[in-house]
């Protein structure tokens, strides 16, 4: 009841002490108690097992990365919120256009399906290390930020460093990536 409280106006003339001071005092007292109860009510939050949810989010991110580099379209797709609400924004100097953006999952899925089918994924077999991780988790939404270093798996040659953001939504009890953001640092210039 308090959450939907909307007071448009109060007719102060109706509450003047000259008409009936006892009624006025009772109305003001009742109104004050009502407002006090509303301000003291706190929404009841479900208890979140932070470590369990964090592990589930890390597993989704790991599955997305692994299936991407293995070019396993169905496994990769299963980690995403397949909705027009999905967003992806990123910067990498290796892209001809430097900045990429996707509004809705369909356009990203179509591009990745073509990429995987044609074996055009860069850095296949790379390994990623995440640092400076930060998790914010609620019942059905979470965000996760981190820095990521990518290396060739066998030689450990440095491929790139990025700042990454994931916003996840819980769908049917499973975390799905609803937003993917990345910004790659410029590569250091090699001296020959």
N, C-alpha and C. Protein backbone atom coordinates (compact mmCIF):
# COMPACT_ATOMS: atom_id res chain seq x y z
N UNK A 1 0.82 -1.18 0.00
CA UNK A 1 0.00 0.00 0.00
C UNK A 1 0.87 1.25 0.00
N UNK A 2 1.93 1.29 0.80
CA UNK A 2 2.78 2.46 0.89
C UNK A 2 3.57 2.69 -0.38
N UNK A 3 3.93 1.63 -1.09
CA UNK A 3 4.71 1.78 -2.31
C UNK A 3 3.94 2.53 -3.38
N UNK A 4 2.64 2.42 -3.38
CA UNK A 4 1.83 3.06 -4.40
C UNK A 4 1.21 4.36 -3.92
N UNK A 5 1.69 4.89 -2.80
CA UNK A 5 1.15 6.11 -2.22
C UNK A 5 1.44 7.28 -3.13
N UNK A 6 0.41 8.02 -3.44
CA UNK A 6 0.56 9.22 -4.26
C UNK A 6 -0.34 10.29 -3.67
N UNK A 7 0.25 11.35 -3.17
CA UNK A 7 -0.52 12.45 -2.59
C UNK A 7 -0.48 13.59 -3.58
N UNK A 8 -1.62 13.94 -4.10
CA UNK A 8 -1.68 15.01 -5.09
C UNK A 8 -1.82 16.37 -4.42
N UNK A 9 -2.70 16.49 -3.45
CA UNK A 9 -2.86 17.76 -2.75
C UNK A 9 -3.62 17.51 -1.45
N UNK A 10 -3.42 18.40 -0.53
CA UNK A 10 -4.13 18.33 0.75
C UNK A 10 -4.87 19.65 0.90
N UNK A 11 -6.14 19.58 1.17
CA UNK A 11 -6.93 20.78 1.38
C UNK A 11 -6.74 21.21 2.82
N UNK A 12 -5.86 22.19 3.01
CA UNK A 12 -5.56 22.66 4.37
C UNK A 12 -6.75 23.37 5.00
N UNK A 13 -7.63 23.92 4.21
CA UNK A 13 -8.82 24.58 4.77
C UNK A 13 -9.68 23.58 5.52
N UNK A 14 -9.70 22.35 5.09
CA UNK A 14 -10.51 21.33 5.76
C UNK A 14 -9.91 20.93 7.09
N UNK A 15 -8.65 21.27 7.33
CA UNK A 15 -7.98 20.87 8.56
C UNK A 15 -7.78 22.03 9.52
N UNK A 16 -8.45 23.10 9.34
CA UNK A 16 -8.26 24.24 10.24
C UNK A 16 -8.82 23.92 11.60
N UNK A 17 -8.16 24.42 12.60
CA UNK A 17 -8.55 24.14 13.98
C UNK A 17 -9.87 24.80 14.35
N UNK A 18 -10.29 25.79 13.60
CA UNK A 18 -11.54 26.47 13.95
C UNK A 18 -12.76 25.61 13.67
N UNK A 19 -12.66 24.67 12.71
CA UNK A 19 -13.83 23.84 12.40
C UNK A 19 -14.02 22.76 13.45
N UNK A 20 -13.01 21.97 13.72
CA UNK A 20 -13.09 20.93 14.74
C UNK A 20 -11.67 20.53 15.11
N UNK A 21 -11.13 21.10 16.17
CA UNK A 21 -9.73 20.84 16.51
C UNK A 21 -9.45 19.37 16.83
N UNK A 22 -10.35 18.66 17.40
CA UNK A 22 -10.12 17.25 17.74
C UNK A 22 -10.00 16.42 16.47
N UNK A 23 -10.86 16.65 15.51
CA UNK A 23 -10.79 15.92 14.24
C UNK A 23 -9.49 16.25 13.52
N UNK A 24 -9.11 17.53 13.55
CA UNK A 24 -7.87 17.95 12.90
C UNK A 24 -6.67 17.24 13.51
N UNK A 25 -6.59 17.21 14.84
CA UNK A 25 -5.48 16.55 15.52
C UNK A 25 -5.47 15.06 15.20
N UNK A 26 -6.64 14.43 15.22
CA UNK A 26 -6.72 13.00 14.93
C UNK A 26 -6.28 12.70 13.49
N UNK A 27 -6.71 13.52 12.55
CA UNK A 27 -6.32 13.32 11.15
C UNK A 27 -4.81 13.49 10.97
N UNK A 28 -4.26 14.53 11.56
CA UNK A 28 -2.82 14.76 11.45
C UNK A 28 -2.02 13.65 12.13
N UNK A 29 -2.48 13.22 13.30
CA UNK A 29 -1.80 12.13 14.01
C UNK A 29 -1.86 10.84 13.19
N UNK A 30 -3.03 10.51 12.67
CA UNK A 30 -3.17 9.31 11.85
C UNK A 30 -2.33 9.37 10.59
N UNK A 31 -2.32 10.54 9.95
CA UNK A 31 -1.51 10.72 8.75
C UNK A 31 -0.02 10.58 9.07
N UNK A 32 0.40 11.12 10.21
CA UNK A 32 1.81 11.01 10.63
C UNK A 32 2.20 9.57 10.90
N UNK A 33 1.34 8.82 11.56
CA UNK A 33 1.62 7.40 11.83
C UNK A 33 1.69 6.63 10.52
N UNK A 34 0.77 6.93 9.61
CA UNK A 34 0.76 6.27 8.31
C UNK A 34 2.08 6.51 7.57
N UNK A 35 2.54 7.76 7.53
CA UNK A 35 3.79 8.08 6.84
C UNK A 35 4.99 7.44 7.53
N UNK A 36 4.98 7.40 8.86
CA UNK A 36 6.08 6.77 9.60
C UNK A 36 6.16 5.29 9.26
N UNK A 37 5.03 4.61 9.20
CA UNK A 37 5.02 3.19 8.85
C UNK A 37 5.52 2.98 7.43
N UNK A 38 5.14 3.86 6.52
CA UNK A 38 5.60 3.72 5.14
C UNK A 38 7.10 3.90 5.04
N UNK A 39 7.65 4.86 5.77
CA UNK A 39 9.09 5.11 5.67
C UNK A 39 9.90 4.02 6.35
N UNK A 40 9.31 3.29 7.29
CA UNK A 40 10.05 2.24 7.98
C UNK A 40 9.99 0.91 7.26
N UNK A 41 9.06 0.75 6.34
CA UNK A 41 8.97 -0.51 5.62
C UNK A 41 10.13 -0.61 4.64
N UNK A 42 10.83 -1.69 4.70
CA UNK A 42 11.95 -1.95 3.80
C UNK A 42 11.57 -3.10 2.89
N UNK A 43 11.92 -2.99 1.61
CA UNK A 43 11.65 -4.14 0.74
C UNK A 43 12.41 -5.36 1.24
N UNK A 44 11.76 -6.48 1.20
CA UNK A 44 12.38 -7.71 1.65
C UNK A 44 13.18 -8.30 0.50
N UNK A 45 14.48 -8.39 0.69
CA UNK A 45 15.35 -8.94 -0.35
C UNK A 45 15.62 -10.40 -0.06
N UNK A 46 15.60 -11.18 -1.10
CA UNK A 46 15.96 -12.58 -0.94
C UNK A 46 17.44 -12.65 -0.58
N UNK A 47 17.78 -13.60 0.24
CA UNK A 47 19.18 -13.79 0.58
C UNK A 47 19.90 -14.37 -0.62
N UNK A 48 21.03 -13.77 -0.93
CA UNK A 48 21.82 -14.20 -2.08
C UNK A 48 23.06 -14.91 -1.57
N UNK A 49 23.32 -16.08 -2.09
CA UNK A 49 24.57 -16.78 -1.81
C UNK A 49 25.61 -16.21 -2.78
N UNK A 50 26.32 -15.17 -2.34
CA UNK A 50 27.21 -14.42 -3.21
C UNK A 50 28.24 -15.32 -3.88
N UNK A 51 28.89 -16.18 -3.12
CA UNK A 51 29.95 -17.03 -3.68
C UNK A 51 29.39 -18.01 -4.72
N UNK A 52 28.21 -18.54 -4.45
CA UNK A 52 27.57 -19.46 -5.42
C UNK A 52 27.24 -18.72 -6.72
N UNK A 53 26.65 -17.53 -6.60
CA UNK A 53 26.29 -16.76 -7.79
C UNK A 53 27.53 -16.28 -8.53
N UNK A 54 28.55 -15.89 -7.80
CA UNK A 54 29.82 -15.47 -8.42
C UNK A 54 30.41 -16.62 -9.22
N UNK A 55 30.43 -17.81 -8.64
CA UNK A 55 30.96 -18.98 -9.35
C UNK A 55 30.13 -19.29 -10.60
N UNK A 56 28.82 -19.13 -10.51
CA UNK A 56 27.96 -19.38 -11.67
C UNK A 56 28.24 -18.36 -12.78
N UNK A 57 28.46 -17.11 -12.40
CA UNK A 57 28.78 -16.07 -13.38
C UNK A 57 30.13 -16.34 -14.02
N UNK A 58 31.12 -16.69 -13.21
CA UNK A 58 32.45 -17.01 -13.75
C UNK A 58 32.36 -18.18 -14.72
N UNK A 59 31.52 -19.16 -14.41
CA UNK A 59 31.37 -20.32 -15.29
C UNK A 59 30.75 -19.92 -16.63
N UNK A 60 29.78 -19.02 -16.61
CA UNK A 60 29.16 -18.55 -17.86
C UNK A 60 30.19 -17.80 -18.70
N UNK A 61 30.97 -16.93 -18.06
CA UNK A 61 31.98 -16.16 -18.79
C UNK A 61 33.04 -17.09 -19.37
N UNK A 62 33.47 -18.08 -18.59
CA UNK A 62 34.46 -19.04 -19.08
C UNK A 62 33.90 -19.85 -20.25
N UNK A 63 32.64 -20.28 -20.14
CA UNK A 63 32.01 -21.04 -21.22
C UNK A 63 31.90 -20.19 -22.49
N UNK A 64 31.53 -18.92 -22.33
CA UNK A 64 31.42 -18.04 -23.49
C UNK A 64 32.76 -17.90 -24.18
N UNK A 65 33.82 -17.66 -23.41
CA UNK A 65 35.16 -17.47 -23.98
C UNK A 65 35.65 -18.75 -24.65
N UNK A 66 35.53 -19.87 -23.94
CA UNK A 66 36.01 -21.15 -24.47
C UNK A 66 35.26 -21.55 -25.75
N UNK A 67 33.94 -21.43 -25.72
CA UNK A 67 33.17 -21.82 -26.91
C UNK A 67 33.40 -20.86 -28.07
N UNK A 68 33.71 -19.60 -27.77
CA UNK A 68 34.04 -18.63 -28.83
C UNK A 68 35.30 -19.07 -29.56
N UNK A 69 36.36 -19.36 -28.81
CA UNK A 69 37.62 -19.74 -29.46
C UNK A 69 37.57 -21.13 -30.09
N UNK A 70 36.68 -21.99 -29.61
CA UNK A 70 36.48 -23.30 -30.25
C UNK A 70 35.50 -23.20 -31.41
N UNK A 71 34.91 -22.03 -31.59
CA UNK A 71 33.92 -21.78 -32.63
C UNK A 71 32.73 -22.75 -32.54
N UNK A 72 32.29 -23.00 -31.31
CA UNK A 72 31.12 -23.84 -31.04
C UNK A 72 29.91 -22.90 -30.90
N UNK A 73 29.22 -22.69 -32.00
CA UNK A 73 28.17 -21.68 -32.05
C UNK A 73 27.07 -21.92 -31.02
N UNK A 74 26.56 -23.13 -30.91
CA UNK A 74 25.44 -23.40 -30.00
C UNK A 74 25.84 -23.18 -28.54
N UNK A 75 27.02 -23.65 -28.16
CA UNK A 75 27.48 -23.43 -26.78
C UNK A 75 27.69 -21.94 -26.52
N UNK A 76 28.29 -21.25 -27.47
CA UNK A 76 28.53 -19.81 -27.34
C UNK A 76 27.20 -19.06 -27.20
N UNK A 77 26.26 -19.37 -28.09
CA UNK A 77 24.95 -18.71 -28.10
C UNK A 77 24.20 -18.93 -26.79
N UNK A 78 24.37 -20.09 -26.18
CA UNK A 78 23.64 -20.42 -24.95
C UNK A 78 24.02 -19.55 -23.76
N UNK A 79 25.11 -18.81 -23.87
CA UNK A 79 25.55 -17.97 -22.76
C UNK A 79 24.96 -16.56 -22.81
N UNK A 80 24.21 -16.26 -23.86
CA UNK A 80 23.70 -14.90 -24.09
C UNK A 80 22.20 -14.78 -23.89
N UNK A 81 21.78 -13.59 -23.51
CA UNK A 81 20.38 -13.21 -23.50
C UNK A 81 19.98 -12.99 -24.95
N UNK A 82 19.18 -13.87 -25.47
CA UNK A 82 18.82 -13.81 -26.89
C UNK A 82 17.56 -12.96 -27.03
N UNK A 83 17.80 -11.65 -27.02
CA UNK A 83 16.72 -10.69 -26.93
C UNK A 83 17.10 -9.39 -27.64
N UNK A 84 16.11 -8.61 -28.06
CA UNK A 84 16.40 -7.28 -28.59
C UNK A 84 17.04 -6.37 -27.54
N UNK A 85 16.93 -6.71 -26.27
CA UNK A 85 17.52 -5.90 -25.20
C UNK A 85 19.04 -6.08 -25.11
N UNK A 86 19.59 -7.11 -25.71
CA UNK A 86 21.03 -7.36 -25.67
C UNK A 86 21.79 -6.20 -26.32
N UNK A 87 22.98 -5.89 -25.74
CA UNK A 87 23.86 -4.86 -26.30
C UNK A 87 25.31 -5.34 -26.24
N UNK A 88 26.08 -4.93 -27.25
CA UNK A 88 27.52 -5.15 -27.25
C UNK A 88 28.17 -3.90 -27.84
N UNK A 89 29.12 -3.35 -27.08
CA UNK A 89 29.89 -2.20 -27.54
C UNK A 89 31.34 -2.46 -27.23
N UNK A 90 32.22 -2.21 -28.20
CA UNK A 90 33.63 -2.45 -27.95
C UNK A 90 34.54 -1.64 -28.85
N UNK A 91 35.78 -1.52 -28.38
CA UNK A 91 36.82 -0.83 -29.14
C UNK A 91 38.05 -1.73 -29.21
N UNK A 92 38.61 -1.86 -30.40
CA UNK A 92 39.88 -2.55 -30.61
C UNK A 92 40.52 -1.94 -31.83
N UNK A 93 41.78 -1.55 -31.71
CA UNK A 93 42.45 -0.90 -32.85
C UNK A 93 42.64 -1.85 -34.02
N UNK A 94 42.49 -3.15 -33.80
CA UNK A 94 42.60 -4.13 -34.87
C UNK A 94 41.39 -4.16 -35.80
N UNK A 95 40.26 -3.59 -35.37
CA UNK A 95 39.08 -3.51 -36.24
C UNK A 95 39.28 -2.38 -37.24
N UNK A 96 38.90 -2.59 -38.49
CA UNK A 96 38.99 -1.48 -39.46
C UNK A 96 38.20 -0.25 -38.99
N UNK A 97 37.04 -0.50 -38.38
CA UNK A 97 36.18 0.60 -37.92
C UNK A 97 36.48 1.01 -36.48
N UNK A 98 37.39 0.32 -35.81
CA UNK A 98 37.82 0.57 -34.43
C UNK A 98 36.74 0.28 -33.37
N UNK A 99 35.52 0.72 -33.62
CA UNK A 99 34.43 0.55 -32.65
C UNK A 99 33.36 -0.35 -33.26
N UNK A 100 32.86 -1.28 -32.45
CA UNK A 100 31.76 -2.14 -32.89
C UNK A 100 30.58 -1.96 -31.94
N UNK A 101 29.39 -2.11 -32.48
CA UNK A 101 28.20 -2.06 -31.63
C UNK A 101 27.13 -2.98 -32.22
N UNK A 102 26.41 -3.60 -31.33
CA UNK A 102 25.30 -4.49 -31.71
C UNK A 102 24.12 -4.14 -30.82
N UNK A 103 23.00 -3.92 -31.43
CA UNK A 103 21.76 -3.65 -30.72
C UNK A 103 20.85 -4.84 -30.99
N UNK A 104 20.61 -5.63 -29.97
CA UNK A 104 19.85 -6.86 -30.15
C UNK A 104 20.79 -8.02 -30.45
N UNK A 105 20.39 -9.22 -30.06
CA UNK A 105 21.27 -10.38 -30.20
C UNK A 105 21.31 -10.93 -31.61
N UNK A 106 20.24 -10.79 -32.39
CA UNK A 106 20.17 -11.42 -33.71
C UNK A 106 21.32 -11.03 -34.63
N UNK A 107 21.66 -9.75 -34.67
CA UNK A 107 22.73 -9.32 -35.59
C UNK A 107 24.08 -9.89 -35.17
N UNK A 108 24.34 -9.94 -33.86
CA UNK A 108 25.59 -10.54 -33.38
C UNK A 108 25.62 -12.03 -33.69
N UNK A 109 24.52 -12.72 -33.44
CA UNK A 109 24.47 -14.17 -33.69
C UNK A 109 24.71 -14.48 -35.16
N UNK A 110 24.11 -13.71 -36.05
CA UNK A 110 24.30 -13.95 -37.49
C UNK A 110 25.76 -13.76 -37.89
N UNK A 111 26.38 -12.71 -37.37
CA UNK A 111 27.79 -12.47 -37.70
C UNK A 111 28.69 -13.58 -37.15
N UNK A 112 28.47 -13.98 -35.90
CA UNK A 112 29.32 -15.02 -35.29
C UNK A 112 29.09 -16.38 -35.94
N UNK A 113 27.88 -16.67 -36.32
CA UNK A 113 27.61 -17.94 -37.02
C UNK A 113 28.43 -18.00 -38.30
N UNK A 114 28.43 -16.94 -39.07
CA UNK A 114 29.21 -16.86 -40.30
C UNK A 114 30.72 -16.95 -40.00
N UNK A 115 31.15 -16.24 -38.98
CA UNK A 115 32.57 -16.25 -38.58
C UNK A 115 33.01 -17.65 -38.19
N UNK A 116 32.22 -18.33 -37.37
CA UNK A 116 32.58 -19.68 -36.92
C UNK A 116 32.55 -20.67 -38.09
N UNK A 117 31.52 -20.58 -38.92
CA UNK A 117 31.40 -21.49 -40.06
C UNK A 117 32.58 -21.36 -41.02
N UNK A 118 33.15 -20.17 -41.10
CA UNK A 118 34.28 -19.91 -42.01
C UNK A 118 35.64 -19.93 -41.31
N UNK A 119 35.65 -20.37 -40.05
CA UNK A 119 36.90 -20.49 -39.28
C UNK A 119 37.72 -19.19 -39.32
N UNK A 120 37.05 -18.07 -39.02
CA UNK A 120 37.69 -16.76 -39.09
C UNK A 120 37.95 -16.13 -37.72
N UNK A 121 37.89 -16.92 -36.66
CA UNK A 121 38.08 -16.36 -35.32
C UNK A 121 39.56 -16.15 -35.05
N UNK A 122 39.89 -14.93 -34.66
CA UNK A 122 41.27 -14.60 -34.30
C UNK A 122 41.61 -15.18 -32.93
N UNK A 123 42.88 -15.40 -32.72
CA UNK A 123 43.42 -15.81 -31.43
C UNK A 123 42.89 -17.16 -30.94
N UNK A 124 42.55 -18.06 -31.86
CA UNK A 124 42.11 -19.39 -31.44
C UNK A 124 43.24 -20.05 -30.66
N UNK A 125 42.89 -20.70 -29.59
CA UNK A 125 43.90 -21.35 -28.77
C UNK A 125 44.59 -20.41 -27.81
N UNK A 126 44.07 -19.19 -27.68
CA UNK A 126 44.69 -18.26 -26.73
C UNK A 126 44.22 -18.60 -25.32
N UNK A 127 44.89 -18.00 -24.38
CA UNK A 127 44.49 -18.15 -22.98
C UNK A 127 44.29 -16.75 -22.40
N UNK A 128 43.33 -16.61 -21.52
CA UNK A 128 43.01 -15.32 -20.94
C UNK A 128 43.20 -15.36 -19.43
N UNK A 129 43.71 -14.26 -18.90
CA UNK A 129 43.86 -14.11 -17.46
C UNK A 129 43.12 -12.85 -17.05
N UNK A 130 42.24 -12.98 -16.05
CA UNK A 130 41.44 -11.85 -15.58
C UNK A 130 41.94 -11.37 -14.22
N UNK A 131 42.05 -10.04 -14.10
CA UNK A 131 42.48 -9.43 -12.84
C UNK A 131 41.56 -8.25 -12.53
N UNK A 132 41.75 -7.67 -11.35
CA UNK A 132 40.96 -6.51 -10.91
C UNK A 132 39.47 -6.75 -11.13
N UNK A 133 39.03 -7.92 -10.70
CA UNK A 133 37.63 -8.29 -10.88
C UNK A 133 36.74 -7.60 -9.85
N UNK A 134 35.55 -7.23 -10.29
CA UNK A 134 34.57 -6.62 -9.41
C UNK A 134 33.20 -7.18 -9.76
N UNK A 135 32.52 -7.73 -8.77
CA UNK A 135 31.19 -8.31 -8.96
C UNK A 135 30.16 -7.51 -8.16
N UNK A 136 29.02 -7.23 -8.76
CA UNK A 136 27.85 -6.68 -8.09
C UNK A 136 26.71 -7.61 -8.48
N UNK A 137 26.13 -8.26 -7.49
CA UNK A 137 25.14 -9.30 -7.78
C UNK A 137 23.87 -9.04 -6.98
N UNK A 138 22.74 -9.08 -7.67
CA UNK A 138 21.44 -9.04 -7.01
C UNK A 138 20.67 -10.30 -7.42
N UNK A 139 19.40 -10.36 -7.10
CA UNK A 139 18.64 -11.58 -7.36
C UNK A 139 18.64 -12.01 -8.82
N UNK A 140 18.38 -11.06 -9.72
CA UNK A 140 18.24 -11.45 -11.12
C UNK A 140 19.08 -10.63 -12.08
N UNK A 141 20.00 -9.83 -11.53
CA UNK A 141 20.88 -9.04 -12.37
C UNK A 141 22.24 -8.91 -11.68
N UNK A 142 23.28 -8.90 -12.51
CA UNK A 142 24.64 -8.75 -11.97
C UNK A 142 25.49 -8.01 -12.98
N UNK A 143 26.51 -7.34 -12.46
CA UNK A 143 27.51 -6.81 -13.37
C UNK A 143 28.88 -7.20 -12.87
N UNK A 144 29.76 -7.35 -13.83
CA UNK A 144 31.08 -7.90 -13.57
C UNK A 144 32.06 -7.11 -14.43
N UNK A 145 33.05 -6.51 -13.80
CA UNK A 145 34.09 -5.80 -14.53
C UNK A 145 35.43 -6.44 -14.22
N UNK A 146 36.34 -6.38 -15.21
CA UNK A 146 37.66 -6.98 -15.03
C UNK A 146 38.60 -6.47 -16.10
N UNK A 147 39.89 -6.67 -15.86
CA UNK A 147 40.90 -6.47 -16.89
C UNK A 147 41.30 -7.85 -17.37
N UNK A 148 41.57 -7.95 -18.66
CA UNK A 148 41.89 -9.25 -19.24
C UNK A 148 43.15 -9.15 -20.09
N UNK A 149 44.09 -10.04 -19.83
CA UNK A 149 45.27 -10.19 -20.67
C UNK A 149 45.11 -11.47 -21.48
N UNK A 150 45.39 -11.36 -22.77
CA UNK A 150 45.30 -12.52 -23.66
C UNK A 150 46.69 -12.89 -24.15
N UNK A 151 46.98 -14.20 -24.14
CA UNK A 151 48.28 -14.72 -24.55
C UNK A 151 48.09 -15.89 -25.49
N UNK A 152 49.08 -16.10 -26.38
CA UNK A 152 49.11 -17.36 -27.12
C UNK A 152 49.35 -18.46 -26.10
N UNK A 153 48.63 -19.54 -26.25
CA UNK A 153 48.67 -20.60 -25.24
C UNK A 153 50.06 -21.21 -25.09
N UNK A 154 50.71 -21.55 -26.19
CA UNK A 154 51.98 -22.27 -26.12
C UNK A 154 53.18 -21.35 -25.89
N UNK A 155 53.22 -20.23 -26.58
CA UNK A 155 54.39 -19.35 -26.51
C UNK A 155 54.28 -18.28 -25.44
N UNK A 156 53.07 -18.06 -24.93
CA UNK A 156 52.78 -16.99 -23.97
C UNK A 156 53.03 -15.60 -24.56
N UNK A 157 53.05 -15.52 -25.89
CA UNK A 157 53.19 -14.22 -26.54
C UNK A 157 51.96 -13.38 -26.17
N UNK A 158 52.21 -12.15 -25.73
CA UNK A 158 51.15 -11.23 -25.34
C UNK A 158 50.35 -10.80 -26.57
N UNK A 159 49.03 -10.98 -26.53
CA UNK A 159 48.17 -10.62 -27.65
C UNK A 159 47.42 -9.31 -27.43
N UNK A 160 47.09 -9.02 -26.17
CA UNK A 160 46.36 -7.79 -25.91
C UNK A 160 45.83 -7.73 -24.49
N UNK A 161 45.56 -6.50 -24.06
CA UNK A 161 44.98 -6.25 -22.74
C UNK A 161 43.72 -5.42 -22.93
N UNK A 162 42.67 -5.81 -22.21
CA UNK A 162 41.40 -5.10 -22.34
C UNK A 162 40.77 -4.86 -20.98
N UNK A 163 39.92 -3.84 -20.93
CA UNK A 163 39.02 -3.60 -19.80
C UNK A 163 37.66 -4.11 -20.26
N UNK A 164 37.03 -4.93 -19.44
CA UNK A 164 35.80 -5.61 -19.88
C UNK A 164 34.67 -5.40 -18.87
N UNK A 165 33.46 -5.38 -19.39
CA UNK A 165 32.25 -5.29 -18.57
C UNK A 165 31.25 -6.32 -19.08
N UNK A 166 30.61 -7.01 -18.15
CA UNK A 166 29.50 -7.89 -18.49
C UNK A 166 28.35 -7.53 -17.55
N UNK A 167 27.19 -7.38 -18.13
CA UNK A 167 25.96 -7.27 -17.35
C UNK A 167 25.17 -8.53 -17.66
N UNK A 168 24.76 -9.21 -16.61
CA UNK A 168 24.06 -10.48 -16.79
C UNK A 168 22.67 -10.41 -16.19
N UNK A 169 21.75 -11.14 -16.80
CA UNK A 169 20.40 -11.29 -16.27
C UNK A 169 20.16 -12.77 -16.03
N UNK A 170 19.40 -13.04 -14.99
CA UNK A 170 19.04 -14.42 -14.70
C UNK A 170 17.76 -14.75 -15.47
N UNK A 171 17.85 -15.80 -16.27
CA UNK A 171 16.72 -16.23 -17.09
C UNK A 171 16.49 -17.71 -16.82
N UNK A 172 15.33 -18.04 -16.30
CA UNK A 172 15.02 -19.43 -15.94
C UNK A 172 16.08 -20.03 -15.03
N UNK A 173 16.56 -19.22 -14.09
CA UNK A 173 17.54 -19.69 -13.11
C UNK A 173 18.98 -19.71 -13.58
N UNK A 174 19.24 -19.30 -14.82
CA UNK A 174 20.61 -19.31 -15.36
C UNK A 174 21.04 -17.90 -15.74
N UNK A 175 22.30 -17.59 -15.46
CA UNK A 175 22.84 -16.29 -15.85
C UNK A 175 23.09 -16.25 -17.35
N UNK A 176 22.69 -15.13 -17.96
CA UNK A 176 22.90 -14.89 -19.40
C UNK A 176 23.53 -13.52 -19.57
N UNK A 177 24.43 -13.40 -20.53
CA UNK A 177 25.09 -12.13 -20.80
C UNK A 177 24.11 -11.23 -21.56
N UNK A 178 23.77 -10.10 -20.94
CA UNK A 178 22.84 -9.14 -21.56
C UNK A 178 23.59 -7.96 -22.16
N UNK A 179 24.79 -7.72 -21.66
CA UNK A 179 25.64 -6.64 -22.19
C UNK A 179 27.09 -7.10 -22.14
N UNK A 180 27.80 -6.88 -23.24
CA UNK A 180 29.22 -7.19 -23.31
C UNK A 180 29.92 -5.92 -23.79
N UNK A 181 30.84 -5.43 -22.98
CA UNK A 181 31.62 -4.25 -23.35
C UNK A 181 33.09 -4.54 -23.21
N UNK A 182 33.89 -4.05 -24.15
CA UNK A 182 35.34 -4.22 -24.06
C UNK A 182 36.04 -3.03 -24.70
N UNK A 183 37.19 -2.72 -24.15
CA UNK A 183 38.04 -1.64 -24.67
C UNK A 183 39.47 -2.14 -24.59
N UNK A 184 40.06 -2.41 -25.73
CA UNK A 184 41.43 -2.89 -25.76
C UNK A 184 42.40 -1.71 -25.69
N UNK A 185 43.43 -1.89 -24.88
CA UNK A 185 44.50 -0.90 -24.83
C UNK A 185 45.26 -0.95 -26.15
N UNK A 186 45.81 0.18 -26.60
CA UNK A 186 46.67 0.14 -27.79
C UNK A 186 47.87 -0.77 -27.53
N UNK A 187 48.26 -1.49 -28.55
CA UNK A 187 49.42 -2.39 -28.42
C UNK A 187 50.70 -1.56 -28.37
N UNK A 188 51.65 -2.00 -27.53
CA UNK A 188 52.93 -1.29 -27.50
C UNK A 188 53.65 -1.43 -28.85
N UNK A 189 54.32 -0.38 -29.24
CA UNK A 189 55.07 -0.40 -30.50
C UNK A 189 56.34 -1.20 -30.28
N UNK A 190 56.55 -2.19 -31.17
CA UNK A 190 57.75 -3.03 -31.06
C UNK A 190 58.92 -2.33 -31.72
N UNK A 191 60.06 -2.31 -31.03
CA UNK A 191 61.29 -1.74 -31.61
C UNK A 191 62.02 -2.81 -32.39
N UNK A 192 62.37 -2.52 -33.61
CA UNK A 192 63.09 -3.50 -34.44
C UNK A 192 64.56 -3.18 -34.48
